[in-house]
Amino acid sequence: MVGLANITTNQVELLAWTEPAAALTAAPAALEAQHELGALHELGKTHTAIAIAQMRLGNEAEAAASFDTACTYLKRARYRSGLARAEFFRGFLYARQGHFGRTVDSFTWAVDEFVAAEVYPSLIILAAQALDDLGHCDLHITQAAAAARARIEPLDSVSQLEERAAALIAAMLRGRG
């Protein structure tokens, strides 16, 4: 049961990036399966994916509510890296809404958590690129991104990873994509 429930969550996470509308269609089954198991961290991950899909579809108010729900579950589960990941992506929503200070706060807090947990080096790089796109340089995040670049081993190259990151940033900051 646990494995099958986790597969449904993973499916929603993948679809949030590839077919956001399909992610929202698949989400209820994942939420039901994880709720039956009481898997708070997986409920948080599913709600994060729902929020990302909603953002990608331009449904910002719904995304904000989904990020709130995700963070509630992730805090209850004490899943720090999952909470940091949700807060990181919520930073893009703040940017869309014109709350630049909150974007910087979200990215900074998330990057600190990623560094402490030694996870998500590509998201650290993404944070630096996103802030640069927004016309803001943060020395702390820039240094963390440099350290992440030094330890990351992308399938192709760091420059190609950064090109893919630029496309993702554009989609997250500007809507539909």
N, C-alpha and C. Protein backbone atom coordinates (compact mmCIF):
# COMPACT_ATOMS: atom_id res chain seq x y z
N MET A 1 0.80 -1.20 0.00
CA MET A 1 0.00 0.00 0.00
C MET A 1 0.85 1.27 0.00
N VAL A 2 1.90 1.26 0.81
CA VAL A 2 2.75 2.44 0.91
C VAL A 2 3.41 2.73 -0.43
N GLY A 3 3.95 1.70 -1.05
CA GLY A 3 4.61 1.88 -2.34
C GLY A 3 3.67 2.43 -3.40
N LEU A 4 2.47 1.88 -3.45
CA LEU A 4 1.49 2.35 -4.44
C LEU A 4 1.06 3.79 -4.15
N ALA A 5 0.89 4.11 -2.88
CA ALA A 5 0.53 5.49 -2.52
C ALA A 5 1.64 6.46 -2.92
N ASN A 6 2.87 6.06 -2.68
CA ASN A 6 4.00 6.92 -3.04
C ASN A 6 4.12 7.09 -4.55
N ILE A 7 3.78 6.06 -5.29
CA ILE A 7 3.79 6.18 -6.75
C ILE A 7 2.77 7.22 -7.19
N THR A 8 1.61 7.26 -6.55
CA THR A 8 0.61 8.26 -6.95
C THR A 8 1.11 9.67 -6.66
N THR A 9 1.79 9.84 -5.53
CA THR A 9 2.37 11.16 -5.22
C THR A 9 3.44 11.52 -6.24
N ASN A 10 4.31 10.56 -6.55
CA ASN A 10 5.36 10.82 -7.54
C ASN A 10 4.76 11.18 -8.90
N GLN A 11 3.66 10.55 -9.24
CA GLN A 11 2.99 10.86 -10.51
C GLN A 11 2.50 12.31 -10.51
N VAL A 12 1.88 12.75 -9.43
CA VAL A 12 1.40 14.13 -9.34
C VAL A 12 2.59 15.10 -9.43
N GLU A 13 3.69 14.76 -8.76
CA GLU A 13 4.88 15.63 -8.82
C GLU A 13 5.41 15.75 -10.24
N LEU A 14 5.50 14.65 -10.95
CA LEU A 14 5.98 14.67 -12.34
C LEU A 14 5.01 15.44 -13.24
N LEU A 15 3.74 15.17 -13.09
CA LEU A 15 2.75 15.84 -13.93
C LEU A 15 2.69 17.35 -13.67
N ALA A 16 2.99 17.77 -12.46
CA ALA A 16 2.99 19.21 -12.18
C ALA A 16 3.94 19.94 -13.12
N TRP A 17 5.01 19.27 -13.54
CA TRP A 17 6.00 19.89 -14.44
C TRP A 17 5.72 19.61 -15.90
N THR A 18 5.09 18.49 -16.20
CA THR A 18 4.91 18.11 -17.60
C THR A 18 3.51 18.38 -18.12
N GLU A 19 2.50 18.14 -17.31
CA GLU A 19 1.10 18.33 -17.69
C GLU A 19 0.33 18.80 -16.46
N PRO A 20 0.41 20.10 -16.14
CA PRO A 20 -0.17 20.58 -14.87
C PRO A 20 -1.66 20.27 -14.70
N ALA A 21 -2.44 20.35 -15.75
CA ALA A 21 -3.87 20.04 -15.63
C ALA A 21 -4.06 18.57 -15.23
N ALA A 22 -3.25 17.69 -15.81
CA ALA A 22 -3.33 16.27 -15.47
C ALA A 22 -2.91 16.02 -14.02
N ALA A 23 -1.97 16.82 -13.52
CA ALA A 23 -1.56 16.70 -12.11
C ALA A 23 -2.74 16.95 -11.19
N LEU A 24 -3.54 17.96 -11.54
CA LEU A 24 -4.70 18.28 -10.70
C LEU A 24 -5.76 17.19 -10.77
N THR A 25 -5.83 16.51 -11.89
CA THR A 25 -6.77 15.39 -12.04
C THR A 25 -6.29 14.18 -11.22
N ALA A 26 -4.99 13.97 -11.20
CA ALA A 26 -4.42 12.82 -10.48
C ALA A 26 -4.31 13.05 -8.98
N ALA A 27 -4.31 14.28 -8.55
CA ALA A 27 -4.04 14.62 -7.15
C ALA A 27 -5.03 14.02 -6.15
N PRO A 28 -6.34 14.03 -6.41
CA PRO A 28 -7.25 13.48 -5.39
C PRO A 28 -6.95 12.04 -4.99
N ALA A 29 -6.58 11.21 -5.94
CA ALA A 29 -6.25 9.82 -5.61
C ALA A 29 -5.01 9.75 -4.74
N ALA A 30 -4.01 10.58 -5.04
CA ALA A 30 -2.80 10.60 -4.23
C ALA A 30 -3.10 11.09 -2.82
N LEU A 31 -3.89 12.14 -2.72
CA LEU A 31 -4.24 12.68 -1.40
C LEU A 31 -5.01 11.65 -0.58
N GLU A 32 -5.95 10.97 -1.22
CA GLU A 32 -6.73 9.96 -0.51
C GLU A 32 -5.84 8.82 -0.01
N ALA A 33 -4.95 8.34 -0.88
CA ALA A 33 -4.07 7.24 -0.49
C ALA A 33 -3.14 7.65 0.66
N GLN A 34 -2.58 8.83 0.57
CA GLN A 34 -1.66 9.27 1.62
C GLN A 34 -2.42 9.59 2.91
N HIS A 35 -3.62 10.11 2.78
CA HIS A 35 -4.42 10.41 3.97
C HIS A 35 -4.76 9.12 4.72
N GLU A 36 -5.12 8.07 3.97
CA GLU A 36 -5.43 6.78 4.59
C GLU A 36 -4.23 6.24 5.36
N LEU A 37 -3.04 6.50 4.85
CA LEU A 37 -1.82 6.02 5.51
C LEU A 37 -1.36 6.96 6.62
N GLY A 38 -1.89 8.16 6.64
CA GLY A 38 -1.44 9.15 7.62
C GLY A 38 -0.03 9.65 7.33
N ALA A 39 0.35 9.63 6.07
CA ALA A 39 1.70 10.02 5.66
C ALA A 39 1.76 11.54 5.47
N LEU A 40 2.00 12.24 6.55
CA LEU A 40 1.98 13.71 6.53
C LEU A 40 2.98 14.28 5.53
N HIS A 41 4.18 13.72 5.49
CA HIS A 41 5.20 14.25 4.58
C HIS A 41 4.79 14.06 3.13
N GLU A 42 4.16 12.94 2.81
CA GLU A 42 3.70 12.70 1.44
C GLU A 42 2.50 13.58 1.10
N LEU A 43 1.65 13.86 2.06
CA LEU A 43 0.56 14.81 1.84
C LEU A 43 1.14 16.19 1.55
N GLY A 44 2.18 16.56 2.28
CA GLY A 44 2.84 17.85 2.02
C GLY A 44 3.47 17.90 0.64
N LYS A 45 4.12 16.82 0.25
CA LYS A 45 4.72 16.78 -1.09
C LYS A 45 3.65 16.86 -2.18
N THR A 46 2.53 16.18 -1.96
CA THR A 46 1.45 16.20 -2.95
C THR A 46 0.87 17.60 -3.05
N HIS A 47 0.64 18.25 -1.93
CA HIS A 47 0.09 19.61 -1.96
C HIS A 47 1.09 20.59 -2.58
N THR A 48 2.38 20.37 -2.40
CA THR A 48 3.38 21.22 -3.06
C THR A 48 3.26 21.06 -4.57
N ALA A 49 3.13 19.82 -5.03
CA ALA A 49 2.98 19.57 -6.47
C ALA A 49 1.69 20.20 -7.00
N ILE A 50 0.63 20.11 -6.23
CA ILE A 50 -0.63 20.74 -6.63
C ILE A 50 -0.43 22.25 -6.78
N ALA A 51 0.25 22.86 -5.82
CA ALA A 51 0.50 24.30 -5.87
C ALA A 51 1.32 24.68 -7.10
N ILE A 52 2.32 23.89 -7.41
CA ILE A 52 3.15 24.16 -8.59
C ILE A 52 2.29 24.06 -9.86
N ALA A 53 1.48 23.01 -9.93
CA ALA A 53 0.60 22.85 -11.11
C ALA A 53 -0.37 24.04 -11.22
N GLN A 54 -0.93 24.44 -10.10
CA GLN A 54 -1.86 25.57 -10.12
C GLN A 54 -1.15 26.85 -10.57
N MET A 55 0.06 27.07 -10.08
CA MET A 55 0.83 28.23 -10.53
C MET A 55 1.07 28.18 -12.02
N ARG A 56 1.46 27.02 -12.51
CA ARG A 56 1.78 26.89 -13.93
C ARG A 56 0.54 27.11 -14.80
N LEU A 57 -0.63 26.89 -14.22
CA LEU A 57 -1.88 27.12 -14.94
C LEU A 57 -2.41 28.54 -14.73
N GLY A 58 -1.69 29.33 -13.93
CA GLY A 58 -2.09 30.71 -13.69
C GLY A 58 -3.11 30.89 -12.58
N ASN A 59 -3.34 29.88 -11.78
CA ASN A 59 -4.30 29.95 -10.68
C ASN A 59 -3.59 30.31 -9.37
N GLU A 60 -3.20 31.56 -9.25
CA GLU A 60 -2.35 31.99 -8.15
C GLU A 60 -3.02 31.90 -6.78
N ALA A 61 -4.29 32.27 -6.69
CA ALA A 61 -4.98 32.22 -5.39
C ALA A 61 -5.07 30.77 -4.90
N GLU A 62 -5.39 29.87 -5.81
CA GLU A 62 -5.46 28.46 -5.44
C GLU A 62 -4.07 27.94 -5.07
N ALA A 63 -3.06 28.37 -5.79
CA ALA A 63 -1.69 27.94 -5.48
C ALA A 63 -1.27 28.41 -4.09
N ALA A 64 -1.62 29.64 -3.74
CA ALA A 64 -1.28 30.16 -2.42
C ALA A 64 -1.89 29.29 -1.32
N ALA A 65 -3.15 28.93 -1.50
CA ALA A 65 -3.82 28.07 -0.51
C ALA A 65 -3.16 26.69 -0.46
N SER A 66 -2.79 26.15 -1.61
CA SER A 66 -2.14 24.83 -1.64
C SER A 66 -0.76 24.87 -0.99
N PHE A 67 -0.01 25.95 -1.20
CA PHE A 67 1.29 26.08 -0.52
C PHE A 67 1.08 26.14 0.99
N ASP A 68 0.06 26.87 1.44
CA ASP A 68 -0.23 26.93 2.88
C ASP A 68 -0.51 25.54 3.43
N THR A 69 -1.34 24.78 2.72
CA THR A 69 -1.68 23.42 3.15
C THR A 69 -0.44 22.53 3.16
N ALA A 70 0.36 22.64 2.10
CA ALA A 70 1.59 21.84 2.01
C ALA A 70 2.49 22.13 3.20
N CYS A 71 2.69 23.40 3.49
CA CYS A 71 3.59 23.77 4.58
C CYS A 71 3.06 23.31 5.93
N THR A 72 1.75 23.34 6.10
CA THR A 72 1.15 22.84 7.35
C THR A 72 1.49 21.36 7.55
N TYR A 73 1.28 20.56 6.51
CA TYR A 73 1.61 19.14 6.62
C TYR A 73 3.10 18.91 6.82
N LEU A 74 3.93 19.63 6.08
CA LEU A 74 5.37 19.42 6.16
C LEU A 74 5.93 19.84 7.52
N LYS A 75 5.36 20.89 8.10
CA LYS A 75 5.77 21.29 9.47
C LYS A 75 5.36 20.22 10.47
N ARG A 76 4.14 19.73 10.35
CA ARG A 76 3.67 18.69 11.27
C ARG A 76 4.51 17.43 11.15
N ALA A 77 4.97 17.14 9.93
CA ALA A 77 5.79 15.95 9.71
C ALA A 77 7.25 16.18 10.09
N ARG A 78 7.60 17.43 10.35
CA ARG A 78 9.00 17.82 10.63
C ARG A 78 9.92 17.44 9.48
N TYR A 79 9.42 17.65 8.27
CA TYR A 79 10.16 17.32 7.05
C TYR A 79 10.77 18.62 6.52
N ARG A 80 11.93 18.96 7.07
CA ARG A 80 12.54 20.26 6.82
C ARG A 80 12.89 20.49 5.35
N SER A 81 13.49 19.51 4.70
CA SER A 81 13.88 19.75 3.31
C SER A 81 12.65 19.85 2.41
N GLY A 82 11.59 19.10 2.71
CA GLY A 82 10.35 19.22 1.96
C GLY A 82 9.69 20.57 2.18
N LEU A 83 9.75 21.05 3.42
CA LEU A 83 9.21 22.37 3.74
C LEU A 83 10.01 23.45 3.02
N ALA A 84 11.32 23.30 3.00
CA ALA A 84 12.17 24.27 2.30
C ALA A 84 11.87 24.27 0.80
N ARG A 85 11.65 23.10 0.25
CA ARG A 85 11.33 23.01 -1.18
C ARG A 85 10.01 23.71 -1.48
N ALA A 86 8.99 23.49 -0.64
CA ALA A 86 7.70 24.15 -0.82
C ALA A 86 7.86 25.67 -0.69
N GLU A 87 8.60 26.09 0.31
CA GLU A 87 8.80 27.53 0.51
C GLU A 87 9.59 28.15 -0.64
N PHE A 88 10.55 27.41 -1.17
CA PHE A 88 11.31 27.89 -2.32
C PHE A 88 10.37 28.17 -3.49
N PHE A 89 9.53 27.21 -3.83
CA PHE A 89 8.63 27.42 -4.97
C PHE A 89 7.56 28.47 -4.67
N ARG A 90 7.19 28.60 -3.39
CA ARG A 90 6.27 29.67 -3.03
C ARG A 90 6.91 31.03 -3.28
N GLY A 91 8.23 31.11 -3.20
CA GLY A 91 8.93 32.35 -3.51
C GLY A 91 8.62 32.86 -4.91
N PHE A 92 8.45 31.95 -5.86
CA PHE A 92 8.08 32.36 -7.22
C PHE A 92 6.68 32.96 -7.24
N LEU A 93 5.79 32.40 -6.45
CA LEU A 93 4.44 32.95 -6.37
C LEU A 93 4.49 34.37 -5.80
N TYR A 94 5.28 34.56 -4.77
CA TYR A 94 5.43 35.91 -4.21
C TYR A 94 5.93 36.88 -5.27
N ALA A 95 6.89 36.44 -6.07
CA ALA A 95 7.42 37.32 -7.13
C ALA A 95 6.32 37.69 -8.11
N ARG A 96 5.52 36.72 -8.51
CA ARG A 96 4.42 36.99 -9.43
C ARG A 96 3.44 38.01 -8.85
N GLN A 97 3.27 37.94 -7.55
CA GLN A 97 2.32 38.82 -6.88
C GLN A 97 2.92 40.18 -6.53
N GLY A 98 4.19 40.38 -6.88
CA GLY A 98 4.84 41.65 -6.62
C GLY A 98 5.39 41.81 -5.21
N HIS A 99 5.51 40.72 -4.47
CA HIS A 99 6.04 40.74 -3.10
C HIS A 99 7.52 40.34 -3.12
N PHE A 100 8.34 41.21 -3.69
CA PHE A 100 9.74 40.86 -3.92
C PHE A 100 10.48 40.55 -2.62
N GLY A 101 10.22 41.31 -1.57
CA GLY A 101 10.88 41.05 -0.29
C GLY A 101 10.58 39.66 0.23
N ARG A 102 9.34 39.22 0.05
CA ARG A 102 8.97 37.88 0.50
C ARG A 102 9.63 36.83 -0.38
N THR A 103 9.82 37.15 -1.66
CA THR A 103 10.54 36.22 -2.55
C THR A 103 11.95 36.01 -2.02
N VAL A 104 12.65 37.10 -1.74
CA VAL A 104 14.03 37.01 -1.24
C VAL A 104 14.05 36.24 0.08
N ASP A 105 13.11 36.52 0.96
CA ASP A 105 13.05 35.81 2.25
C ASP A 105 12.83 34.31 2.04
N SER A 106 11.91 33.96 1.14
CA SER A 106 11.64 32.54 0.87
C SER A 106 12.87 31.84 0.31
N PHE A 107 13.49 32.47 -0.69
CA PHE A 107 14.67 31.87 -1.29
C PHE A 107 15.80 31.74 -0.28
N THR A 108 16.03 32.78 0.52
CA THR A 108 17.13 32.76 1.49
C THR A 108 16.91 31.66 2.52
N TRP A 109 15.70 31.59 3.07
CA TRP A 109 15.42 30.56 4.08
C TRP A 109 15.57 29.17 3.47
N ALA A 110 15.02 28.99 2.28
CA ALA A 110 15.09 27.68 1.63
C ALA A 110 16.53 27.29 1.33
N VAL A 111 17.31 28.22 0.80
CA VAL A 111 18.71 27.92 0.49
C VAL A 111 19.46 27.55 1.76
N ASP A 112 19.23 28.26 2.85
CA ASP A 112 19.88 27.91 4.12
C ASP A 112 19.53 26.48 4.54
N GLU A 113 18.28 26.10 4.37
CA GLU A 113 17.86 24.74 4.71
C GLU A 113 18.49 23.71 3.77
N PHE A 114 18.53 24.02 2.47
CA PHE A 114 19.14 23.10 1.51
C PHE A 114 20.61 22.88 1.83
N VAL A 115 21.30 23.97 2.16
CA VAL A 115 22.73 23.87 2.50
C VAL A 115 22.90 23.04 3.76
N ALA A 116 22.10 23.32 4.79
CA ALA A 116 22.22 22.60 6.06
C ALA A 116 21.96 21.10 5.88
N ALA A 117 20.98 20.76 5.04
CA ALA A 117 20.63 19.36 4.82
C ALA A 117 21.45 18.71 3.71
N GLU A 118 22.24 19.53 3.00
CA GLU A 118 23.05 19.06 1.88
C GLU A 118 22.18 18.39 0.82
N VAL A 119 21.11 19.11 0.43
CA VAL A 119 20.18 18.61 -0.59
C VAL A 119 19.91 19.69 -1.63
N TYR A 120 19.36 19.30 -2.75
CA TYR A 120 18.87 20.18 -3.79
C TYR A 120 19.86 21.23 -4.28
N PRO A 121 21.07 20.83 -4.65
CA PRO A 121 22.02 21.84 -5.16
C PRO A 121 21.51 22.55 -6.40
N SER A 122 20.72 21.85 -7.23
CA SER A 122 20.19 22.50 -8.43
C SER A 122 19.20 23.60 -8.05
N LEU A 123 18.45 23.44 -6.96
CA LEU A 123 17.53 24.49 -6.53
C LEU A 123 18.28 25.69 -5.96
N ILE A 124 19.43 25.45 -5.37
CA ILE A 124 20.26 26.55 -4.89
C ILE A 124 20.73 27.39 -6.08
N ILE A 125 21.18 26.72 -7.13
CA ILE A 125 21.58 27.41 -8.35
C ILE A 125 20.39 28.15 -8.95
N LEU A 126 19.24 27.51 -8.94
CA LEU A 126 18.02 28.12 -9.46
C LEU A 126 17.67 29.39 -8.69
N ALA A 127 17.85 29.38 -7.39
CA ALA A 127 17.55 30.57 -6.57
C ALA A 127 18.42 31.75 -6.99
N ALA A 128 19.70 31.48 -7.18
CA ALA A 128 20.61 32.56 -7.60
C ALA A 128 20.23 33.10 -8.97
N GLN A 129 19.92 32.19 -9.89
CA GLN A 129 19.52 32.61 -11.24
C GLN A 129 18.22 33.41 -11.22
N ALA A 130 17.26 32.96 -10.42
CA ALA A 130 15.97 33.64 -10.35
C ALA A 130 16.14 35.05 -9.79
N LEU A 131 16.93 35.18 -8.74
CA LEU A 131 17.15 36.51 -8.17
C LEU A 131 17.87 37.40 -9.17
N ASP A 132 18.81 36.84 -9.91
CA ASP A 132 19.50 37.61 -10.95
C ASP A 132 18.50 38.08 -12.00
N ASP A 133 17.60 37.19 -12.42
CA ASP A 133 16.56 37.56 -13.39
C ASP A 133 15.68 38.69 -12.87
N LEU A 134 15.49 38.70 -11.56
CA LEU A 134 14.67 39.73 -10.93
C LEU A 134 15.46 41.01 -10.64
N GLY A 135 16.74 41.00 -11.03
CA GLY A 135 17.57 42.19 -10.85
C GLY A 135 18.10 42.36 -9.43
N HIS A 136 18.24 41.27 -8.73
CA HIS A 136 18.71 41.33 -7.34
C HIS A 136 19.87 40.36 -7.16
N CYS A 137 20.93 40.84 -6.58
CA CYS A 137 22.07 39.97 -6.28
C CYS A 137 22.15 39.82 -4.77
N ASP A 138 22.16 38.60 -4.32
CA ASP A 138 22.28 38.30 -2.90
C ASP A 138 23.58 37.53 -2.72
N LEU A 139 24.54 38.13 -2.04
CA LEU A 139 25.87 37.53 -1.90
C LEU A 139 25.80 36.15 -1.26
N HIS A 140 24.98 36.01 -0.24
CA HIS A 140 24.85 34.73 0.46
C HIS A 140 24.37 33.63 -0.50
N ILE A 141 23.34 33.91 -1.28
CA ILE A 141 22.80 32.92 -2.22
C ILE A 141 23.78 32.70 -3.37
N THR A 142 24.45 33.76 -3.82
CA THR A 142 25.45 33.63 -4.88
C THR A 142 26.57 32.70 -4.44
N GLN A 143 27.03 32.86 -3.20
CA GLN A 143 28.09 31.99 -2.68
C GLN A 143 27.61 30.55 -2.54
N ALA A 144 26.39 30.38 -2.07
CA ALA A 144 25.83 29.03 -1.94
C ALA A 144 25.70 28.37 -3.32
N ALA A 145 25.31 29.17 -4.33
CA ALA A 145 25.18 28.64 -5.68
C ALA A 145 26.54 28.24 -6.25
N ALA A 146 27.57 29.02 -5.96
CA ALA A 146 28.92 28.68 -6.43
C ALA A 146 29.36 27.35 -5.81
N ALA A 147 29.09 27.18 -4.53
CA ALA A 147 29.45 25.92 -3.87
C ALA A 147 28.63 24.76 -4.45
N ALA A 148 27.37 25.01 -4.76
CA ALA A 148 26.52 23.96 -5.35
C ALA A 148 27.02 23.57 -6.73
N ARG A 149 27.42 24.56 -7.53
CA ARG A 149 27.95 24.27 -8.87
C ARG A 149 29.19 23.38 -8.79
N ALA A 150 30.00 23.61 -7.77
CA ALA A 150 31.24 22.85 -7.62
C ALA A 150 30.98 21.38 -7.27
N ARG A 151 29.84 21.09 -6.68
CA ARG A 151 29.59 19.71 -6.26
C ARG A 151 28.54 18.99 -7.08
N ILE A 152 27.89 19.69 -7.99
CA ILE A 152 26.83 19.07 -8.78
C ILE A 152 27.44 18.33 -9.98
N GLU A 153 26.81 17.24 -10.33
CA GLU A 153 27.24 16.47 -11.49
C GLU A 153 26.03 16.25 -12.41
N PRO A 154 25.71 17.26 -13.23
CA PRO A 154 24.55 17.11 -14.12
C PRO A 154 24.82 16.06 -15.19
N LEU A 155 23.75 15.56 -15.78
CA LEU A 155 23.88 14.54 -16.83
C LEU A 155 24.65 15.05 -18.03
N ASP A 156 24.52 16.36 -18.31
CA ASP A 156 25.21 16.92 -19.46
C ASP A 156 26.27 17.92 -18.98
N SER A 157 25.90 19.15 -18.74
CA SER A 157 26.84 20.15 -18.22
C SER A 157 26.11 21.14 -17.34
N VAL A 158 26.87 21.85 -16.52
CA VAL A 158 26.27 22.87 -15.66
C VAL A 158 25.64 23.96 -16.52
N SER A 159 26.29 24.33 -17.63
CA SER A 159 25.72 25.37 -18.47
C SER A 159 24.38 24.93 -19.07
N GLN A 160 24.26 23.67 -19.46
CA GLN A 160 22.98 23.18 -19.98
C GLN A 160 21.93 23.10 -18.87
N LEU A 161 22.37 22.75 -17.67
CA LEU A 161 21.47 22.77 -16.52
C LEU A 161 20.95 24.19 -16.30
N GLU A 162 21.84 25.16 -16.41
CA GLU A 162 21.45 26.56 -16.22
C GLU A 162 20.51 27.03 -17.33
N GLU A 163 20.66 26.51 -18.54
CA GLU A 163 19.73 26.85 -19.63
C GLU A 163 18.34 26.30 -19.32
N ARG A 164 18.28 25.06 -18.83
CA ARG A 164 16.98 24.49 -18.45
C ARG A 164 16.39 25.26 -17.27
N ALA A 165 17.26 25.67 -16.37
CA ALA A 165 16.81 26.46 -15.22
C ALA A 165 16.21 27.78 -15.68
N ALA A 166 16.81 28.41 -16.67
CA ALA A 166 16.29 29.68 -17.18
C ALA A 166 14.87 29.50 -17.73
N ALA A 167 14.63 28.41 -18.42
CA ALA A 167 13.29 28.15 -18.95
C ALA A 167 12.30 27.91 -17.81
N LEU A 168 12.72 27.19 -16.79
CA LEU A 168 11.86 26.95 -15.65
C LEU A 168 11.56 28.25 -14.91
N ILE A 169 12.56 29.07 -14.72
CA ILE A 169 12.38 30.36 -14.05
C ILE A 169 11.39 31.22 -14.82
N ALA A 170 11.55 31.27 -16.13
CA ALA A 170 10.62 32.06 -16.95
C ALA A 170 9.19 31.56 -16.77
N ALA A 171 9.01 30.26 -16.77
CA ALA A 171 7.66 29.70 -16.60
C ALA A 171 7.11 30.02 -15.21
N MET A 172 7.95 29.92 -14.20
CA MET A 172 7.47 30.14 -12.83
C MET A 172 7.20 31.62 -12.56
N LEU A 173 7.99 32.49 -13.14
CA LEU A 173 7.82 33.93 -12.88
C LEU A 173 6.75 34.56 -13.75
N ARG A 174 6.59 34.05 -14.93
CA ARG A 174 5.72 34.73 -15.89
C ARG A 174 4.41 34.00 -16.16
N GLY A 175 4.23 32.87 -15.57
CA GLY A 175 2.96 32.18 -15.77
C GLY A 175 3.05 31.08 -16.78
N ARG A 176 1.97 30.56 -17.08
CA ARG A 176 1.79 29.41 -17.97
C ARG A 176 3.05 28.95 -18.67
N GLY A 177 3.38 27.75 -18.42
CA GLY A 177 4.56 27.20 -19.07
C GLY A 177 4.87 25.82 -18.62
